[in-house]
Amino acid sequence: MDDLIIALGPAFAAGFAIQRLMEILDPVVDVVKLFKAHKKVVLGIVSLIVGLVLAFGIGLRVLEPLGVLNAEFWDAIITAFVISAGTEGFNSIMKFLGYKKEEKKSEAAISKTNADVSALELLQKTV
């Protein structure tokens, strides 16, 4: 899990930077009357363009560290969308990974319990 966090760190930092950029551009968009009515769309497009530049330009990826291989183009597209969402995109990924980790722990606990019950039954049969 620590390796995964380290692998996703640069993309997380990029998402944080995009989020900060949107906070800076927000009042600028309010000043430009043409964009004011469509501020959310304008900011979304700008963040996606920056995400695409970062994904394709410097090779940020989020699927590869998650185990998806041989999907270079789609990995870049998905990375652009994830980092354009700012920290919210990474919070979603981290929640998902947390759920998967808990699910594996639960499965391991059930397997251990089943093994303990089987061992106890076997022991009782021999006595």
C-alpha atoms as a PDB file:
ATOM      1  CA  MET A   1       0.000   0.000   0.000  1.00  0.00           C
ATOM      2  CA  ASP A   2       2.875   2.387   0.781  1.00  0.00           C
ATOM      3  CA  ASP A   3       4.368   1.751  -2.676  1.00  0.00           C
ATOM      4  CA  LEU A   4       1.020   2.597  -4.221  1.00  0.00           C
ATOM      5  CA  ILE A   5       0.793   5.873  -2.333  1.00  0.00           C
ATOM      6  CA  ILE A   6       4.320   6.767  -3.444  1.00  0.00           C
ATOM      7  CA  ALA A   7       3.485   5.845  -7.062  1.00  0.00           C
ATOM      8  CA  LEU A   8       0.342   7.999  -7.039  1.00  0.00           C
ATOM      9  CA  GLY A   9       2.039  10.889  -5.208  1.00  0.00           C
ATOM     10  CA  PRO A  10       3.043  12.922  -8.290  1.00  0.00           C
ATOM     11  CA  ALA A  11      -0.437  12.667  -9.793  1.00  0.00           C
ATOM     12  CA  PHE A  12      -1.951  13.650  -6.433  1.00  0.00           C
ATOM     13  CA  ALA A  13       0.345  16.697  -6.295  1.00  0.00           C
ATOM     14  CA  ALA A  14      -0.729  17.630  -9.830  1.00  0.00           C
ATOM     15  CA  GLY A  15      -4.380  17.316  -8.824  1.00  0.00           C
ATOM     16  CA  PHE A  16      -3.765  19.538  -5.830  1.00  0.00           C
ATOM     17  CA  ALA A  17      -2.040  22.098  -8.065  1.00  0.00           C
ATOM     18  CA  ILE A  18      -4.967  22.072 -10.502  1.00  0.00           C
ATOM     19  CA  GLN A  19      -7.372  22.577  -7.622  1.00  0.00           C
ATOM     20  CA  ARG A  20      -5.339  25.580  -6.466  1.00  0.00           C
ATOM     21  CA  LEU A  21      -5.196  26.934 -10.036  1.00  0.00           C
ATOM     22  CA  MET A  22      -8.996  26.775 -10.224  1.00  0.00           C
ATOM     23  CA  GLU A  23      -9.240  28.720  -6.965  1.00  0.00           C
ATOM     24  CA  ILE A  24      -6.999  31.406  -8.472  1.00  0.00           C
ATOM     25  CA  LEU A  25      -8.907  31.491 -11.789  1.00  0.00           C
ATOM     26  CA  ASP A  26     -12.341  31.590 -10.153  1.00  0.00           C
ATOM     27  CA  PRO A  27     -12.397  35.372  -9.536  1.00  0.00           C
ATOM     28  CA  VAL A  28     -10.781  35.995 -12.945  1.00  0.00           C
ATOM     29  CA  VAL A  29     -13.642  34.157 -14.665  1.00  0.00           C
ATOM     30  CA  ASP A  30     -16.111  36.302 -12.691  1.00  0.00           C
ATOM     31  CA  VAL A  31     -14.554  39.446 -14.169  1.00  0.00           C
ATOM     32  CA  VAL A  32     -14.855  38.265 -17.785  1.00  0.00           C
ATOM     33  CA  LYS A  33     -18.569  38.697 -18.521  1.00  0.00           C
ATOM     34  CA  LEU A  34     -18.498  36.268 -21.453  1.00  0.00           C
ATOM     35  CA  PHE A  35     -17.395  33.420 -19.159  1.00  0.00           C
ATOM     36  CA  LYS A  36     -19.282  34.414 -16.009  1.00  0.00           C
ATOM     37  CA  ALA A  37     -22.539  32.710 -16.992  1.00  0.00           C
ATOM     38  CA  HIS A  38     -20.694  29.461 -17.696  1.00  0.00           C
ATOM     39  CA  LYS A  39     -18.034  29.644 -14.995  1.00  0.00           C
ATOM     40  CA  LYS A  40     -18.256  25.997 -13.928  1.00  0.00           C
ATOM     41  CA  VAL A  41     -17.929  24.753 -17.503  1.00  0.00           C
ATOM     42  CA  VAL A  42     -15.026  27.095 -18.254  1.00  0.00           C
ATOM     43  CA  LEU A  43     -13.130  26.078 -15.127  1.00  0.00           C
ATOM     44  CA  GLY A  44     -13.837  22.403 -15.831  1.00  0.00           C
ATOM     45  CA  ILE A  45     -12.489  22.677 -19.371  1.00  0.00           C
ATOM     46  CA  VAL A  46      -9.387  24.538 -18.199  1.00  0.00           C
ATOM     47  CA  SER A  47      -8.693  21.928 -15.504  1.00  0.00           C
ATOM     48  CA  LEU A  48      -9.171  19.091 -18.004  1.00  0.00           C
ATOM     49  CA  ILE A  49      -6.809  20.739 -20.513  1.00  0.00           C
ATOM     50  CA  VAL A  50      -4.172  21.150 -17.797  1.00  0.00           C
ATOM     51  CA  GLY A  51      -4.768  17.513 -16.774  1.00  0.00           C
ATOM     52  CA  LEU A  52      -4.296  16.349 -20.367  1.00  0.00           C
ATOM     53  CA  VAL A  53      -1.096  18.375 -20.712  1.00  0.00           C
ATOM     54  CA  LEU A  54       0.278  16.852 -17.502  1.00  0.00           C
ATOM     55  CA  ALA A  55      -0.793  13.300 -18.353  1.00  0.00           C
ATOM     56  CA  PHE A  56       0.525  13.310 -21.905  1.00  0.00           C
ATOM     57  CA  GLY A  57       3.314  15.852 -21.425  1.00  0.00           C
ATOM     58  CA  ILE A  58       5.124  14.491 -18.386  1.00  0.00           C
ATOM     59  CA  GLY A  59       3.675  10.997 -18.279  1.00  0.00           C
ATOM     60  CA  LEU A  60       1.607  11.047 -15.105  1.00  0.00           C
ATOM     61  CA  ARG A  61      -0.419   7.842 -14.709  1.00  0.00           C
ATOM     62  CA  VAL A  62      -2.920   6.501 -12.188  1.00  0.00           C
ATOM     63  CA  LEU A  63      -3.989   3.163 -13.673  1.00  0.00           C
ATOM     64  CA  GLU A  64      -0.504   1.687 -14.054  1.00  0.00           C
ATOM     65  CA  PRO A  65       0.254   1.844 -10.290  1.00  0.00           C
ATOM     66  CA  LEU A  66      -3.128   0.172  -9.738  1.00  0.00           C
ATOM     67  CA  GLY A  67      -2.038  -2.782 -11.884  1.00  0.00           C
ATOM     68  CA  VAL A  68      -3.520  -1.910 -15.293  1.00  0.00           C
ATOM     69  CA  LEU A  69      -0.824  -2.535 -17.885  1.00  0.00           C
ATOM     70  CA  ASN A  70      -0.711  -1.968 -21.662  1.00  0.00           C
ATOM     71  CA  ALA A  71      -3.299   0.814 -21.579  1.00  0.00           C
ATOM     72  CA  GLU A  72      -0.996   3.787 -22.122  1.00  0.00           C
ATOM     73  CA  PHE A  73      -3.443   6.007 -24.048  1.00  0.00           C
ATOM     74  CA  TRP A  74      -6.463   5.272 -21.868  1.00  0.00           C
ATOM     75  CA  ASP A  75      -4.368   5.533 -18.736  1.00  0.00           C
ATOM     76  CA  ALA A  76      -3.371   9.059 -19.803  1.00  0.00           C
ATOM     77  CA  ILE A  77      -6.985  10.036 -20.536  1.00  0.00           C
ATOM     78  CA  ILE A  78      -8.249   8.671 -17.216  1.00  0.00           C
ATOM     79  CA  THR A  79      -5.330  10.277 -15.395  1.00  0.00           C
ATOM     80  CA  ALA A  80      -6.240  13.636 -16.948  1.00  0.00           C
ATOM     81  CA  PHE A  81      -9.820  13.305 -15.681  1.00  0.00           C
ATOM     82  CA  VAL A  82      -8.741  12.178 -12.226  1.00  0.00           C
ATOM     83  CA  ILE A  83      -6.204  14.930 -11.684  1.00  0.00           C
ATOM     84  CA  SER A  84      -8.525  17.547 -13.203  1.00  0.00           C
ATOM     85  CA  ALA A  85     -10.900  16.745 -10.328  1.00  0.00           C
ATOM     86  CA  GLY A  86      -8.250  17.970  -7.883  1.00  0.00           C
ATOM     87  CA  THR A  87      -7.925  16.242  -4.552  1.00  0.00           C
ATOM     88  CA  GLU A  88     -11.504  14.963  -4.823  1.00  0.00           C
ATOM     89  CA  GLY A  89     -10.458  12.478  -7.511  1.00  0.00           C
ATOM     90  CA  PHE A  90      -7.704  11.062  -5.338  1.00  0.00           C
ATOM     91  CA  ASN A  91      -9.897  10.962  -2.270  1.00  0.00           C
ATOM     92  CA  SER A  92     -12.229   8.699  -4.237  1.00  0.00           C
ATOM     93  CA  ILE A  93      -9.356   6.410  -5.251  1.00  0.00           C
ATOM     94  CA  MET A  94      -8.032   6.246  -1.695  1.00  0.00           C
ATOM     95  CA  LYS A  95     -11.511   5.427  -0.334  1.00  0.00           C
ATOM     96  CA  PHE A  96     -11.851   2.647  -2.876  1.00  0.00           C
ATOM     97  CA  LEU A  97      -8.446   1.243  -1.957  1.00  0.00           C
ATOM     98  CA  GLY A  98      -9.375   1.446   1.729  1.00  0.00           C
ATOM     99  CA  TYR A  99     -12.569  -0.524   1.067  1.00  0.00           C
ATOM    100  CA  LYS A 100     -10.617  -3.150  -0.866  1.00  0.00           C
ATOM    101  CA  LYS A 101      -8.069  -3.418   1.944  1.00  0.00           C
ATOM    102  CA  GLU A 102     -10.836  -3.929   4.524  1.00  0.00           C
ATOM    103  CA  GLU A 103     -12.515  -6.485   2.257  1.00  0.00           C
ATOM    104  CA  LYS A 104      -9.279  -8.487   2.023  1.00  0.00           C
ATOM    105  CA  LYS A 105      -8.826  -8.304   5.798  1.00  0.00           C
ATOM    106  CA  SER A 106     -12.362  -9.587   6.265  1.00  0.00           C
ATOM    107  CA  GLU A 107     -11.806 -12.423   3.793  1.00  0.00           C
ATOM    108  CA  ALA A 108      -8.554 -13.353   5.543  1.00  0.00           C
ATOM    109  CA  ALA A 109     -10.296 -13.383   8.930  1.00  0.00           C
ATOM    110  CA  ILE A 110     -13.065 -15.640   7.578  1.00  0.00           C
ATOM    111  CA  SER A 111     -10.500 -18.005   6.046  1.00  0.00           C
ATOM    112  CA  LYS A 112      -8.592 -18.160   9.337  1.00  0.00           C
ATOM    113  CA  THR A 113     -11.787 -18.852  11.261  1.00  0.00           C
ATOM    114  CA  ASN A 114     -12.745 -21.612   8.832  1.00  0.00           C
ATOM    115  CA  ALA A 115      -9.270 -23.134   9.126  1.00  0.00           C
ATOM    116  CA  ASP A 116      -9.452 -22.961  12.935  1.00  0.00           C
ATOM    117  CA  VAL A 117     -12.876 -24.663  12.922  1.00  0.00           C
ATOM    118  CA  SER A 118     -11.603 -27.383  10.574  1.00  0.00           C
ATOM    119  CA  ALA A 119      -8.554 -27.966  12.768  1.00  0.00           C
ATOM    120  CA  LEU A 120     -10.734 -28.141  15.879  1.00  0.00           C
ATOM    121  CA  GLU A 121     -13.104 -30.634  14.228  1.00  0.00           C
ATOM    122  CA  LEU A 122     -10.162 -32.774  13.144  1.00  0.00           C
ATOM    123  CA  LEU A 123      -8.721 -32.664  16.650  1.00  0.00           C
ATOM    124  CA  GLN A 124     -12.061 -33.698  18.184  1.00  0.00           C
ATOM    125  CA  LYS A 125     -12.312 -36.662  15.801  1.00  0.00           C
ATOM    126  CA  THR A 126      -8.896 -37.948  16.859  1.00  0.00           C
ATOM    127  CA  VAL A 127      -9.659 -37.729  20.571  1.00  0.00           C
END
